[in-house]
């Protein structure tokens, strides 16, 4: 099983990034997929989740700015991040969840400068 995140980097406040998570080794279409983030000294928190049926939910702090999507044909989940702010700085992790089974990626760093 592999979840490989990409697309992180350094961006100025107000900018945008698109994260990707390429999945392999499991039946991607069955799994709910999520993006979590962890800032230094803070707990990991849910950013956005998309079910296997395409329903989405978001943390209040990112509603209206971030959008999660998935492409089951490519076994990939995306996180479009707009209007980025310094408080969005964190390591972003991809997660796959199905009936108590959790898989995690290694994370990608997002840094937003003011």
Protein backbone atom coordinates (compact mmCIF):
# COMPACT_ATOMS: atom_id res chain seq x y z
CA UNK A 1 0.00 0.00 0.00
CA UNK A 2 1.29 3.43 -0.91
CA UNK A 3 -0.04 6.96 -0.64
CA UNK A 4 2.31 9.47 -2.20
CA UNK A 5 1.59 13.17 -1.76
CA UNK A 6 2.93 15.86 -4.04
CA UNK A 7 2.36 19.51 -4.83
CA UNK A 8 3.46 21.14 -1.61
CA UNK A 9 5.82 24.07 -1.50
CA UNK A 10 6.30 27.70 -0.54
CA UNK A 11 3.66 30.22 -1.54
CA UNK A 12 2.82 33.79 -0.59
CA UNK A 13 -0.33 34.61 1.33
CA UNK A 14 -3.28 34.76 -1.03
CA UNK A 15 -1.76 32.22 -3.37
CA UNK A 16 -2.86 28.76 -4.39
CA UNK A 17 -1.52 25.23 -4.41
CA UNK A 18 -2.91 21.92 -5.59
CA UNK A 19 -1.94 18.81 -3.67
CA UNK A 20 -2.17 15.36 -5.19
CA UNK A 21 -2.13 11.96 -3.54
CA UNK A 22 -1.46 8.94 -5.72
CA UNK A 23 -2.70 5.68 -4.21
CA UNK A 24 -1.73 2.11 -4.96
CA UNK A 25 -2.01 -1.32 -3.44
CA UNK A 26 -5.67 -1.23 -2.44
CA UNK A 27 -9.11 -0.76 -4.01
CA UNK A 28 -9.09 3.01 -4.08
CA UNK A 29 -12.72 3.42 -5.12
CA UNK A 30 -13.94 1.70 -1.94
CA UNK A 31 -12.14 4.06 0.39
CA UNK A 32 -13.01 7.41 1.84
CA UNK A 33 -10.07 9.73 1.25
CA UNK A 34 -8.97 12.64 3.36
CA UNK A 35 -6.41 15.34 3.80
CA UNK A 36 -5.08 16.11 7.25
CA UNK A 37 -2.48 18.61 8.37
CA UNK A 38 -0.15 19.05 11.28
CA UNK A 39 1.52 22.30 12.18
CA UNK A 40 4.55 22.42 14.51
CA UNK A 41 3.50 21.90 18.10
CA UNK A 42 -0.09 21.11 17.16
CA UNK A 43 -2.16 17.98 16.76
CA UNK A 44 -2.96 16.54 13.38
CA UNK A 45 -6.33 17.81 12.20
CA UNK A 46 -8.75 16.92 9.46
CA UNK A 47 -8.78 19.39 6.58
CA UNK A 48 -11.16 17.74 4.12
CA UNK A 49 -12.67 14.35 3.40
CA UNK A 50 -14.43 12.79 0.44
CA UNK A 51 -16.40 9.57 0.69
CA UNK A 52 -16.36 6.77 -1.85
CA UNK A 53 -19.65 8.22 -3.10
CA UNK A 54 -18.23 11.71 -3.54
CA UNK A 55 -19.71 13.47 -0.51
CA UNK A 56 -17.36 16.01 1.01
CA UNK A 57 -16.82 17.74 4.30
CA UNK A 58 -14.36 20.39 5.40
CA UNK A 59 -12.87 21.92 8.48
CA UNK A 60 -14.50 25.25 9.23
CA UNK A 61 -11.16 27.00 8.81
CA UNK A 62 -10.89 26.02 5.14
CA UNK A 63 -14.51 26.10 3.96
CA UNK A 64 -14.86 28.20 0.85
CA UNK A 65 -11.10 28.17 0.20
CA UNK A 66 -10.19 24.50 -0.24
CA UNK A 67 -11.77 21.85 -2.42
CA UNK A 68 -11.21 18.10 -2.30
CA UNK A 69 -11.83 15.88 -5.30
CA UNK A 70 -11.01 12.38 -6.45
CA UNK A 71 -10.37 10.59 -9.72
CA UNK A 72 -11.05 6.90 -9.26
CA UNK A 73 -9.70 6.12 -12.73
CA UNK A 74 -6.34 7.56 -11.68
CA UNK A 75 -6.45 6.40 -8.05
CA UNK A 76 -5.74 9.97 -7.05
CA UNK A 77 -7.23 12.46 -4.63
CA UNK A 78 -6.63 16.19 -4.89
CA UNK A 79 -6.79 19.19 -2.62
CA UNK A 80 -7.12 22.56 -4.32
CA UNK A 81 -6.09 25.25 -1.87
CA UNK A 82 -6.90 28.88 -2.63
CA UNK A 83 -6.49 32.08 -0.65
CA UNK A 84 -3.78 30.47 1.42
CA UNK A 85 -2.88 32.09 4.70
CA UNK A 86 0.15 31.73 6.99
CA UNK A 87 -1.97 29.69 9.41
CA UNK A 88 -2.34 27.06 6.68
CA UNK A 89 1.36 26.27 7.03
CA UNK A 90 1.71 22.61 7.96
CA UNK A 91 2.64 19.19 6.74
CA UNK A 92 -0.33 17.85 4.78
CA UNK A 93 -1.04 14.13 4.90
CA UNK A 94 -3.19 11.97 2.68
CA UNK A 95 -5.42 9.38 4.38
CA UNK A 96 -7.44 6.43 3.14
CA UNK A 97 -10.14 4.95 5.36
CA UNK A 98 -12.41 1.92 4.99
CA UNK A 99 -14.07 -0.06 7.76
CA UNK A 100 -11.43 0.64 10.40
CA UNK A 101 -8.48 0.34 8.05
CA UNK A 102 -6.39 3.49 7.85
CA UNK A 103 -3.54 4.21 5.48
CA UNK A 104 -1.34 7.30 5.61
CA UNK A 105 1.07 9.01 3.32
CA UNK A 106 4.35 10.55 4.46
CA UNK A 107 3.16 14.09 3.99
CA UNK A 108 4.06 17.14 1.96
CA UNK A 109 5.11 20.47 3.41
CA UNK A 110 3.06 23.57 2.68
CA UNK A 111 4.53 26.88 3.78
CA UNK A 112 2.66 30.15 3.37
CA UNK A 113 4.64 33.34 3.81
CA UNK A 114 3.05 36.60 4.90
